[in-house]
């Protein structure tokens, strides 16, 4: 299962653009094999970064930011099959890679739904009762 879906791609690009980017046979419809390959390539790229951070892969369910990154990478992959991406998609790809690099380095997390942030990850302090208090030190 991919981190993003065709429906996610349709929210980023209209159907005519998706047909143009995938329809190698000239059939006038979206080629799902091309879509699947693009989404799989995006998943592999994401997993390389997240795997280095120790996330159990594949993420299921994936946090929303992972789906967004997968769309940005997949659209870049689709455009790369043709003339190359427009500047704004190149920028989104570059930003996705920067974000993945920061996640890999531990500088940022995956936001809501991050499987690594849970109550068990929080520090807990355990100590004995205080030996020295204001009352016990009164005569010193």
N, C-alpha and C. Protein backbone atom coordinates (compact mmCIF):
# COMPACT_ATOMS: atom_id res chain seq x y z
N UNK A 1 0.84 -1.18 0.00
CA UNK A 1 0.00 0.00 0.00
C UNK A 1 0.89 1.24 0.00
N UNK A 2 0.59 2.16 -0.87
CA UNK A 2 1.38 3.38 -1.00
C UNK A 2 0.97 4.41 0.05
N UNK A 3 1.88 5.33 0.33
CA UNK A 3 1.60 6.42 1.25
C UNK A 3 0.61 7.42 0.64
N UNK A 4 0.55 7.49 -0.67
CA UNK A 4 -0.39 8.37 -1.37
C UNK A 4 -1.16 7.52 -2.39
N UNK A 5 -2.24 8.07 -2.89
CA UNK A 5 -3.11 7.36 -3.83
C UNK A 5 -3.34 8.21 -5.07
N UNK A 6 -4.00 7.60 -6.05
CA UNK A 6 -4.40 8.34 -7.24
C UNK A 6 -5.27 9.53 -6.86
N UNK A 7 -6.17 9.33 -5.90
CA UNK A 7 -7.04 10.43 -5.47
C UNK A 7 -6.20 11.59 -4.90
N UNK A 8 -5.14 11.27 -4.17
CA UNK A 8 -4.25 12.31 -3.66
C UNK A 8 -3.59 13.06 -4.82
N UNK A 9 -3.17 12.33 -5.83
CA UNK A 9 -2.55 12.96 -7.00
C UNK A 9 -3.56 13.84 -7.74
N UNK A 10 -4.82 13.39 -7.80
CA UNK A 10 -5.85 14.17 -8.47
C UNK A 10 -6.15 15.48 -7.74
N UNK A 11 -5.87 15.53 -6.44
CA UNK A 11 -6.04 16.78 -5.70
C UNK A 11 -4.91 17.76 -6.02
N UNK A 12 -3.77 17.22 -6.46
CA UNK A 12 -2.61 18.06 -6.77
C UNK A 12 -2.57 18.45 -8.25
N UNK A 13 -3.04 17.57 -9.11
CA UNK A 13 -3.02 17.80 -10.56
C UNK A 13 -4.39 17.45 -11.13
N UNK A 14 -4.84 18.18 -12.14
CA UNK A 14 -6.12 17.80 -12.73
C UNK A 14 -5.93 16.55 -13.60
N UNK A 15 -7.02 15.92 -13.91
CA UNK A 15 -6.97 14.64 -14.61
C UNK A 15 -6.32 14.75 -15.99
N UNK A 16 -6.55 15.84 -16.68
CA UNK A 16 -5.95 16.02 -18.01
C UNK A 16 -4.42 16.02 -17.93
N UNK A 17 -3.88 16.65 -16.89
CA UNK A 17 -2.42 16.66 -16.72
C UNK A 17 -1.93 15.26 -16.39
N UNK A 18 -2.66 14.55 -15.54
CA UNK A 18 -2.26 13.18 -15.21
C UNK A 18 -2.28 12.28 -16.45
N UNK A 19 -3.27 12.47 -17.30
CA UNK A 19 -3.32 11.69 -18.55
C UNK A 19 -2.11 12.03 -19.40
N UNK A 20 -1.81 13.32 -19.53
CA UNK A 20 -0.66 13.75 -20.34
C UNK A 20 0.65 13.16 -19.81
N UNK A 21 0.77 13.07 -18.48
CA UNK A 21 2.01 12.59 -17.88
C UNK A 21 2.15 11.07 -17.87
N UNK A 22 1.03 10.36 -18.04
CA UNK A 22 1.09 8.90 -17.91
C UNK A 22 0.72 8.12 -19.17
N UNK A 23 -0.03 8.71 -20.06
CA UNK A 23 -0.59 7.99 -21.20
C UNK A 23 0.43 7.86 -22.34
N UNK A 24 1.29 6.86 -22.24
CA UNK A 24 2.29 6.61 -23.27
C UNK A 24 1.69 5.97 -24.52
N UNK A 25 0.57 5.26 -24.36
CA UNK A 25 -0.04 4.54 -25.47
C UNK A 25 -1.02 5.41 -26.27
N UNK A 26 -1.34 6.59 -25.76
CA UNK A 26 -2.28 7.45 -26.47
C UNK A 26 -3.72 7.01 -26.34
N UNK A 27 -4.05 6.32 -25.27
CA UNK A 27 -5.41 5.82 -25.08
C UNK A 27 -6.38 6.86 -24.51
N UNK A 28 -5.85 7.97 -24.00
CA UNK A 28 -6.71 9.01 -23.46
C UNK A 28 -7.14 8.80 -22.03
N UNK A 29 -6.52 7.85 -21.34
CA UNK A 29 -6.84 7.60 -19.93
C UNK A 29 -5.55 7.54 -19.12
N UNK A 30 -5.72 7.68 -17.82
CA UNK A 30 -4.57 7.60 -16.92
C UNK A 30 -4.05 6.17 -16.92
N UNK A 31 -2.76 6.02 -17.09
CA UNK A 31 -2.12 4.69 -17.06
C UNK A 31 -1.77 4.38 -15.61
N UNK A 32 -2.50 3.44 -15.01
CA UNK A 32 -2.32 3.13 -13.59
C UNK A 32 -0.96 2.48 -13.31
N UNK A 33 -0.40 1.79 -14.28
CA UNK A 33 0.94 1.22 -14.06
C UNK A 33 1.97 2.33 -13.85
N UNK A 34 1.87 3.38 -14.63
CA UNK A 34 2.79 4.52 -14.48
C UNK A 34 2.55 5.21 -13.13
N UNK A 35 1.30 5.39 -12.77
CA UNK A 35 0.97 5.99 -11.47
C UNK A 35 1.54 5.14 -10.35
N UNK A 36 1.30 3.83 -10.40
CA UNK A 36 1.78 2.94 -9.35
C UNK A 36 3.30 2.97 -9.25
N UNK A 37 3.99 2.99 -10.39
CA UNK A 37 5.45 3.05 -10.37
C UNK A 37 5.95 4.35 -9.76
N UNK A 38 5.28 5.44 -10.07
CA UNK A 38 5.67 6.74 -9.53
C UNK A 38 5.44 6.80 -8.02
N UNK A 39 4.31 6.29 -7.57
CA UNK A 39 4.02 6.25 -6.14
C UNK A 39 4.97 5.32 -5.40
N UNK A 40 5.28 4.18 -6.01
CA UNK A 40 6.22 3.24 -5.39
C UNK A 40 7.61 3.86 -5.26
N UNK A 41 8.05 4.56 -6.29
CA UNK A 41 9.35 5.23 -6.23
C UNK A 41 9.37 6.27 -5.11
N UNK A 42 8.27 6.99 -4.95
CA UNK A 42 8.17 7.98 -3.87
C UNK A 42 8.23 7.29 -2.51
N UNK A 43 7.52 6.17 -2.36
CA UNK A 43 7.54 5.42 -1.10
C UNK A 43 8.94 4.93 -0.76
N UNK A 44 9.64 4.42 -1.76
CA UNK A 44 11.00 3.91 -1.54
C UNK A 44 11.90 5.05 -1.07
N UNK A 45 11.79 6.20 -1.70
CA UNK A 45 12.62 7.34 -1.33
C UNK A 45 12.31 7.79 0.10
N UNK A 46 11.05 7.85 0.46
CA UNK A 46 10.65 8.21 1.82
C UNK A 46 11.18 7.19 2.82
N UNK A 47 11.01 5.91 2.50
CA UNK A 47 11.46 4.86 3.42
C UNK A 47 12.96 4.87 3.66
N UNK A 48 13.74 5.28 2.67
CA UNK A 48 15.19 5.38 2.85
C UNK A 48 15.50 6.37 3.97
N UNK A 49 14.83 7.51 3.95
CA UNK A 49 15.07 8.52 4.98
C UNK A 49 14.52 8.08 6.34
N UNK A 50 13.29 7.58 6.36
CA UNK A 50 12.66 7.22 7.63
C UNK A 50 13.28 5.97 8.24
N UNK A 51 13.74 5.05 7.40
CA UNK A 51 14.38 3.84 7.91
C UNK A 51 15.65 4.15 8.67
N UNK A 52 16.39 5.15 8.21
CA UNK A 52 17.59 5.57 8.91
C UNK A 52 17.28 6.13 10.29
N UNK A 53 16.07 6.61 10.47
CA UNK A 53 15.65 7.20 11.75
C UNK A 53 15.07 6.14 12.68
N UNK A 54 14.93 4.92 12.20
CA UNK A 54 14.46 3.83 13.05
C UNK A 54 12.96 3.63 13.07
N UNK A 55 12.25 4.22 12.13
CA UNK A 55 10.81 3.98 12.05
C UNK A 55 10.56 2.57 11.52
N UNK A 56 9.54 1.91 12.04
CA UNK A 56 9.12 0.63 11.49
C UNK A 56 8.42 0.88 10.17
N UNK A 57 8.89 0.24 9.13
CA UNK A 57 8.39 0.53 7.79
C UNK A 57 7.69 -0.67 7.18
N UNK A 58 6.72 -0.46 6.35
CA UNK A 58 6.13 0.83 5.98
C UNK A 58 5.26 1.35 7.12
N UNK A 59 5.12 2.66 7.18
CA UNK A 59 4.27 3.29 8.19
C UNK A 59 2.82 2.97 7.88
N UNK A 60 2.11 2.45 8.86
CA UNK A 60 0.70 2.14 8.65
C UNK A 60 -0.05 2.38 9.95
N UNK A 61 -0.90 3.34 10.03
CA UNK A 61 -1.20 4.31 8.98
C UNK A 61 -0.10 5.37 8.91
N UNK A 62 0.04 5.94 7.76
CA UNK A 62 1.06 6.97 7.56
C UNK A 62 0.55 8.30 8.08
N UNK A 63 1.40 9.05 8.79
CA UNK A 63 1.00 10.40 9.20
C UNK A 63 0.70 11.26 7.97
N UNK A 64 -0.17 12.25 8.10
CA UNK A 64 -0.56 13.09 6.95
C UNK A 64 0.61 13.72 6.22
N UNK A 65 1.65 14.10 6.92
CA UNK A 65 2.79 14.74 6.24
C UNK A 65 3.47 13.76 5.29
N UNK A 66 3.45 12.49 5.60
CA UNK A 66 4.08 11.50 4.73
C UNK A 66 3.31 11.38 3.42
N UNK A 67 1.98 11.44 3.49
CA UNK A 67 1.17 11.41 2.26
C UNK A 67 1.46 12.63 1.40
N UNK A 68 1.61 13.80 2.03
CA UNK A 68 1.92 15.02 1.28
C UNK A 68 3.28 14.91 0.62
N UNK A 69 4.26 14.42 1.35
CA UNK A 69 5.60 14.25 0.78
C UNK A 69 5.56 13.25 -0.37
N UNK A 70 4.78 12.18 -0.22
CA UNK A 70 4.68 11.17 -1.27
C UNK A 70 4.08 11.77 -2.54
N UNK A 71 3.08 12.62 -2.39
CA UNK A 71 2.48 13.29 -3.56
C UNK A 71 3.52 14.16 -4.25
N UNK A 72 4.24 14.97 -3.47
CA UNK A 72 5.24 15.86 -4.06
C UNK A 72 6.32 15.08 -4.81
N UNK A 73 6.76 13.98 -4.24
CA UNK A 73 7.78 13.16 -4.89
C UNK A 73 7.21 12.45 -6.12
N UNK A 74 6.00 11.92 -6.01
CA UNK A 74 5.39 11.20 -7.13
C UNK A 74 5.12 12.13 -8.31
N UNK A 75 4.62 13.33 -8.04
CA UNK A 75 4.37 14.28 -9.14
C UNK A 75 5.69 14.65 -9.81
N UNK A 76 6.73 14.87 -9.02
CA UNK A 76 8.06 15.14 -9.58
C UNK A 76 8.49 13.97 -10.48
N UNK A 77 8.26 12.74 -10.01
CA UNK A 77 8.62 11.56 -10.81
C UNK A 77 7.84 11.52 -12.12
N UNK A 78 6.56 11.87 -12.07
CA UNK A 78 5.75 11.87 -13.29
C UNK A 78 6.25 12.90 -14.28
N UNK A 79 6.50 14.09 -13.81
CA UNK A 79 7.02 15.14 -14.71
C UNK A 79 8.40 14.78 -15.25
N UNK A 80 9.19 14.09 -14.45
CA UNK A 80 10.54 13.72 -14.88
C UNK A 80 10.51 12.73 -16.05
N UNK A 81 9.41 12.03 -16.23
CA UNK A 81 9.26 11.12 -17.37
C UNK A 81 9.11 11.89 -18.68
N UNK A 82 8.72 13.13 -18.59
CA UNK A 82 8.45 13.94 -19.78
C UNK A 82 9.49 15.04 -19.89
N UNK A 83 9.05 16.25 -19.93
CA UNK A 83 9.91 17.40 -20.16
C UNK A 83 10.60 17.89 -18.89
N UNK A 84 10.30 17.35 -17.77
CA UNK A 84 10.83 17.84 -16.50
C UNK A 84 9.77 18.66 -15.80
N UNK A 85 9.92 18.83 -14.50
CA UNK A 85 8.87 19.51 -13.73
C UNK A 85 8.89 21.02 -13.91
N UNK A 86 7.72 21.66 -13.82
CA UNK A 86 7.68 23.12 -13.75
C UNK A 86 8.40 23.58 -12.47
N UNK A 87 8.76 24.84 -12.44
CA UNK A 87 9.53 25.36 -11.31
C UNK A 87 8.87 25.12 -9.96
N UNK A 88 7.55 25.30 -9.88
CA UNK A 88 6.89 25.13 -8.58
C UNK A 88 6.91 23.67 -8.12
N UNK A 89 6.88 22.71 -9.04
CA UNK A 89 6.98 21.31 -8.64
C UNK A 89 8.42 20.94 -8.31
N UNK A 90 9.36 21.56 -8.96
CA UNK A 90 10.76 21.36 -8.59
C UNK A 90 11.00 21.87 -7.17
N UNK A 91 10.43 23.02 -6.86
CA UNK A 91 10.57 23.59 -5.51
C UNK A 91 9.90 22.70 -4.47
N UNK A 92 8.74 22.16 -4.79
CA UNK A 92 8.06 21.26 -3.84
C UNK A 92 8.88 20.00 -3.62
N UNK A 93 9.48 19.48 -4.68
CA UNK A 93 10.35 18.31 -4.55
C UNK A 93 11.55 18.65 -3.65
N UNK A 94 12.20 19.77 -3.92
CA UNK A 94 13.36 20.19 -3.12
C UNK A 94 12.98 20.35 -1.65
N UNK A 95 11.81 20.94 -1.40
CA UNK A 95 11.35 21.11 -0.02
C UNK A 95 11.05 19.76 0.64
N UNK A 96 10.50 18.83 -0.12
CA UNK A 96 10.23 17.49 0.42
C UNK A 96 11.52 16.81 0.83
N UNK A 97 12.55 16.92 0.00
CA UNK A 97 13.84 16.31 0.33
C UNK A 97 14.46 16.98 1.55
N UNK A 98 14.34 18.31 1.65
CA UNK A 98 14.85 19.01 2.83
C UNK A 98 14.14 18.53 4.09
N UNK A 99 12.82 18.38 4.01
CA UNK A 99 12.06 17.93 5.16
C UNK A 99 12.45 16.50 5.55
N UNK A 100 12.58 15.62 4.56
CA UNK A 100 12.99 14.25 4.84
C UNK A 100 14.39 14.20 5.47
N UNK A 101 15.26 15.08 5.01
CA UNK A 101 16.61 15.14 5.58
C UNK A 101 16.56 15.58 7.04
N UNK A 102 15.69 16.54 7.36
CA UNK A 102 15.54 16.99 8.74
C UNK A 102 14.91 15.92 9.62
N UNK A 103 13.97 15.17 9.06
CA UNK A 103 13.37 14.06 9.81
C UNK A 103 14.44 13.01 10.08
N UNK A 104 15.22 12.69 9.06
CA UNK A 104 16.28 11.71 9.19
C UNK A 104 17.29 12.12 10.27
N UNK A 105 17.60 13.42 10.34
CA UNK A 105 18.57 13.93 11.30
C UNK A 105 17.97 14.08 12.70
N UNK A 106 16.67 13.88 12.84
CA UNK A 106 16.02 14.02 14.13
C UNK A 106 15.71 15.46 14.51
N UNK A 107 15.82 16.37 13.56
CA UNK A 107 15.54 17.78 13.82
C UNK A 107 14.05 18.06 13.92
N UNK A 108 13.24 17.29 13.19
CA UNK A 108 11.79 17.42 13.25
C UNK A 108 11.19 16.02 13.24
N UNK A 109 9.95 15.94 13.70
CA UNK A 109 9.22 14.67 13.68
C UNK A 109 8.20 14.66 12.57
N UNK A 110 7.34 13.69 12.60
CA UNK A 110 6.33 13.54 11.55
C UNK A 110 5.01 14.20 11.91
N UNK A 111 4.97 14.97 12.99
CA UNK A 111 3.73 15.65 13.37
C UNK A 111 2.73 14.69 13.97
N UNK A 112 1.46 15.03 13.83
CA UNK A 112 0.42 14.18 14.40
C UNK A 112 0.44 12.83 13.70
N UNK A 113 0.34 11.81 14.47
CA UNK A 113 0.40 10.46 13.91
C UNK A 113 1.80 9.89 13.86
N UNK A 114 2.78 10.62 14.40
CA UNK A 114 4.16 10.13 14.42
C UNK A 114 4.24 8.90 15.31
N UNK A 115 4.60 7.74 14.75
CA UNK A 115 4.64 6.53 15.56
C UNK A 115 5.73 6.55 16.64
N UNK A 116 6.67 7.46 16.54
CA UNK A 116 7.75 7.52 17.53
C UNK A 116 7.42 8.42 18.71
N UNK A 117 6.36 9.21 18.61
CA UNK A 117 6.01 10.07 19.74
C UNK A 117 4.79 9.49 20.44
N UNK A 118 5.01 8.99 21.60
CA UNK A 118 3.92 8.43 22.39
C UNK A 118 4.19 8.74 23.84
N UNK A 119 3.25 8.42 24.66
CA UNK A 119 3.41 8.67 26.09
C UNK A 119 4.61 7.91 26.67
N UNK A 120 4.92 6.76 26.12
CA UNK A 120 6.03 5.97 26.66
C UNK A 120 7.39 6.59 26.33
N UNK A 121 7.42 7.57 25.42
CA UNK A 121 8.68 8.22 25.08
C UNK A 121 9.02 9.37 26.01
N UNK A 122 8.10 9.73 26.88
CA UNK A 122 8.33 10.87 27.76
C UNK A 122 9.16 10.46 28.96
N UNK A 123 9.97 11.37 29.45
CA UNK A 123 10.83 11.11 30.59
C UNK A 123 10.00 10.98 31.86
N UNK A 124 10.42 10.09 32.72
CA UNK A 124 9.77 9.92 34.00
C UNK A 124 10.85 9.97 35.05
N UNK A 125 10.65 10.81 36.06
CA UNK A 125 11.62 10.96 37.12
C UNK A 125 11.13 10.19 38.33
N UNK A 126 12.00 9.31 38.83
CA UNK A 126 11.68 8.53 40.02
C UNK A 126 12.78 8.79 41.03
N UNK A 127 12.38 9.16 42.26
CA UNK A 127 13.39 9.41 43.29
C UNK A 127 12.84 9.05 44.65
N UNK A 128 13.74 8.97 45.61
CA UNK A 128 13.34 8.72 46.99
C UNK A 128 12.81 10.01 47.60
N UNK A 129 12.20 9.89 48.78
CA UNK A 129 11.76 11.08 49.49
C UNK A 129 12.96 11.94 49.84
N UNK A 130 12.73 13.23 50.00
CA UNK A 130 13.81 14.15 50.35
C UNK A 130 14.35 13.81 51.74
N UNK A 131 15.66 13.74 51.82
CA UNK A 131 16.30 13.48 53.11
C UNK A 131 16.48 14.80 53.85
N UNK A 132 16.94 15.81 53.13
CA UNK A 132 17.20 17.10 53.75
C UNK A 132 16.09 18.07 53.38
N UNK A 133 15.39 18.52 54.41
CA UNK A 133 14.32 19.49 54.22
C UNK A 133 14.61 20.69 55.09
N UNK A 134 13.84 21.71 54.96
CA UNK A 134 14.00 22.87 55.83
C UNK A 134 13.86 22.49 57.30
N UNK A 135 12.98 21.56 57.61
CA UNK A 135 12.75 21.14 58.99
C UNK A 135 13.95 20.34 59.53
N UNK A 136 14.50 19.41 58.74
CA UNK A 136 15.62 18.59 59.24
C UNK A 136 16.92 19.37 59.30
N UNK A 137 17.04 20.45 58.58
CA UNK A 137 18.28 21.24 58.59
C UNK A 137 18.16 22.48 59.50
N UNK A 138 17.09 22.58 60.24
CA UNK A 138 16.82 23.77 61.04
C UNK A 138 17.94 24.08 62.05
N UNK A 139 18.54 23.10 62.66
CA UNK A 139 19.55 23.33 63.69
C UNK A 139 20.96 23.35 63.16
N UNK A 140 21.18 23.27 61.85
CA UNK A 140 22.54 23.28 61.32
C UNK A 140 22.94 24.62 60.86
